[in-house]
Amino acid sequence: MESNGRYGPDIIETTDEDGQVHIFEKVDEYEIEGQRYALLIYQGSEEEDDEAETEEATQAASEGDDEEDDEEYDEEVVVMRVVMDGDDQVYESIDDKDEFDRVVAFIEKIAAEEGFELEIADHDEEEESDS
């Protein structure tokens, strides 16, 4: 996404088996043994967003708009397999533990070489998305 020479976040929406939409920001993409994987930061779900908006509106009305929300947000880092379905990218959870461990080790090694420490969540719910 480019706008005036600046790039915005690459937002990915996935849908789980219960129809719940989850929102991620794509941080990076890797190719490992011929398969593509995406490193994502979980941003929440549409249901959580709706609840948060209602809670924020209620809080603002009771406390006033001049108070800041000091709540610290723990980012959940997730890795998903990227497969092509025609021209669309589909993001899938990695259900095979050996594959997941191999991919996480690869990404963590690269992150460490670049001076970053990652804690990747074990993303075991089935989610898919067209992007």
Protein backbone atom coordinates (compact mmCIF):
# COMPACT_ATOMS: atom_id res chain seq x y z
CA MET A 1 0.00 0.00 0.00
CA GLU A 2 1.62 3.20 -1.09
CA SER A 3 0.34 6.70 -0.46
CA ASN A 4 2.44 9.78 -1.19
CA GLY A 5 5.63 7.72 -1.13
CA ARG A 6 4.85 6.20 2.26
CA TYR A 7 3.85 2.64 2.97
CA GLY A 8 1.11 1.68 5.39
CA PRO A 9 0.76 -1.56 7.28
CA ASP A 10 -0.13 -4.72 5.38
CA ILE A 11 -3.31 -5.83 7.17
CA ILE A 12 -4.45 -9.44 6.82
CA GLU A 13 -7.87 -10.73 7.84
CA THR A 14 -8.34 -14.43 8.49
CA THR A 15 -11.52 -16.34 9.27
CA ASP A 16 -11.50 -19.27 11.67
CA GLU A 17 -13.69 -22.36 11.48
CA ASP A 18 -16.36 -20.62 13.60
CA GLY A 19 -16.57 -17.69 11.18
CA GLN A 20 -14.75 -15.29 13.54
CA VAL A 21 -12.58 -12.76 11.67
CA HIS A 22 -9.08 -12.17 13.10
CA ILE A 23 -6.92 -9.21 12.08
CA PHE A 24 -3.13 -9.33 11.68
CA GLU A 25 -0.42 -6.97 10.52
CA LYS A 26 2.07 -8.70 8.22
CA VAL A 27 5.59 -7.91 9.37
CA ASP A 28 7.65 -10.06 7.02
CA GLU A 29 7.54 -13.05 4.73
CA TYR A 30 10.06 -15.89 4.41
CA GLU A 31 10.61 -18.73 1.98
CA ILE A 32 11.75 -21.92 3.68
CA GLU A 33 12.35 -25.09 1.68
CA GLY A 34 10.19 -23.76 -1.17
CA GLN A 35 7.24 -22.83 1.06
CA ARG A 36 6.30 -19.24 1.97
CA TYR A 37 5.51 -18.23 5.55
CA ALA A 38 4.31 -14.90 6.97
CA LEU A 39 5.31 -13.36 10.28
CA LEU A 40 2.21 -11.60 11.63
CA ILE A 41 1.26 -9.52 14.66
CA TYR A 42 -2.21 -10.25 15.99
CA GLN A 43 -4.31 -7.09 16.09
CA GLY A 44 -7.50 -8.61 17.50
CA SER A 45 -10.79 -9.80 16.11
CA GLU A 46 -13.73 -7.92 14.68
CA GLU A 47 -15.72 -8.94 17.75
CA GLU A 48 -12.98 -7.57 20.06
CA ASP A 49 -12.89 -4.33 18.05
CA ASP A 50 -16.64 -3.88 18.46
CA GLU A 51 -16.37 -4.54 22.22
CA ALA A 52 -13.38 -2.17 22.56
CA GLU A 53 -15.19 0.65 20.74
CA THR A 54 -18.19 0.26 23.06
CA GLU A 55 -15.95 0.15 26.14
CA GLU A 56 -13.94 3.21 25.00
CA ALA A 57 -17.11 5.20 24.38
CA THR A 58 -18.46 4.27 27.80
CA GLN A 59 -15.15 5.10 29.49
CA ALA A 60 -14.83 8.44 27.66
CA ALA A 61 -18.34 9.40 28.68
CA SER A 62 -17.73 8.57 32.35
CA GLU A 63 -14.14 9.89 32.68
CA GLY A 64 -13.81 12.58 30.04
CA ASP A 65 -11.59 12.61 26.95
CA ASP A 66 -8.51 14.09 28.65
CA GLU A 67 -7.34 10.85 30.28
CA GLU A 68 -5.02 8.56 28.33
CA ASP A 69 -5.28 4.77 28.29
CA ASP A 70 -2.04 3.56 29.90
CA GLU A 71 -2.84 -0.11 29.39
CA GLU A 72 0.16 -1.85 27.84
CA TYR A 73 -0.59 -4.06 24.84
CA ASP A 74 1.27 -7.36 24.53
CA GLU A 75 1.76 -8.11 20.87
CA GLU A 76 1.14 -11.71 19.89
CA VAL A 77 3.50 -12.71 17.09
CA VAL A 78 2.17 -15.48 14.87
CA VAL A 79 3.60 -17.37 11.89
CA MET A 80 1.32 -18.76 9.17
CA ARG A 81 1.85 -20.67 5.93
CA VAL A 82 1.13 -18.70 2.75
CA VAL A 83 -0.34 -20.66 -0.15
CA MET A 84 -1.67 -19.45 -3.47
CA ASP A 85 -5.26 -20.13 -4.49
CA GLY A 86 -5.32 -18.86 -8.05
CA ASP A 87 -4.21 -15.22 -7.75
CA ASP A 88 -5.13 -15.00 -4.04
CA GLN A 89 -2.84 -15.55 -1.08
CA VAL A 90 -4.35 -17.80 1.59
CA TYR A 91 -2.94 -17.76 5.14
CA GLU A 92 -3.12 -21.10 6.94
CA SER A 93 -2.18 -22.16 10.43
CA ILE A 94 0.70 -24.62 10.65
CA ASP A 95 -0.76 -27.73 12.27
CA ASP A 96 2.29 -29.99 11.88
CA LYS A 97 4.43 -29.49 15.02
CA ASP A 98 7.71 -30.41 13.27
CA GLU A 99 7.04 -27.94 10.45
CA PHE A 100 6.03 -25.24 12.94
CA ASP A 101 9.15 -25.79 15.09
CA ARG A 102 11.41 -25.74 12.00
CA VAL A 103 9.88 -22.48 10.72
CA VAL A 104 9.98 -20.78 14.13
CA ALA A 105 13.64 -21.78 14.63
CA PHE A 106 14.50 -20.34 11.19
CA ILE A 107 12.70 -17.04 11.85
CA GLU A 108 14.06 -16.69 15.40
CA LYS A 109 17.60 -17.26 14.11
CA ILE A 110 17.21 -14.48 11.51
CA ALA A 111 15.67 -12.16 14.12
CA ALA A 112 18.54 -12.83 16.55
CA GLU A 113 21.10 -12.09 13.82
CA GLU A 114 19.34 -8.74 13.28
CA GLY A 115 19.28 -8.02 17.03
CA PHE A 116 15.63 -8.83 17.72
CA GLU A 117 14.15 -11.29 20.16
CA LEU A 118 10.84 -12.84 19.11
CA GLU A 119 8.40 -14.94 21.03
CA ILE A 120 6.18 -16.59 18.45
CA ALA A 121 2.82 -17.88 19.67
CA ASP A 122 1.84 -21.46 18.92
CA HIS A 123 -1.03 -20.68 16.56
CA ASP A 124 -3.04 -23.90 16.55
CA GLU A 125 -6.48 -22.67 15.46
CA GLU A 126 -7.38 -23.27 11.82
CA GLU A 127 -7.63 -19.91 10.06
CA GLU A 128 -7.64 -19.02 6.40
CA SER A 129 -7.92 -15.79 4.45
CA ASP A 130 -7.87 -14.50 0.93
CA SER A 131 -5.83 -11.37 0.57
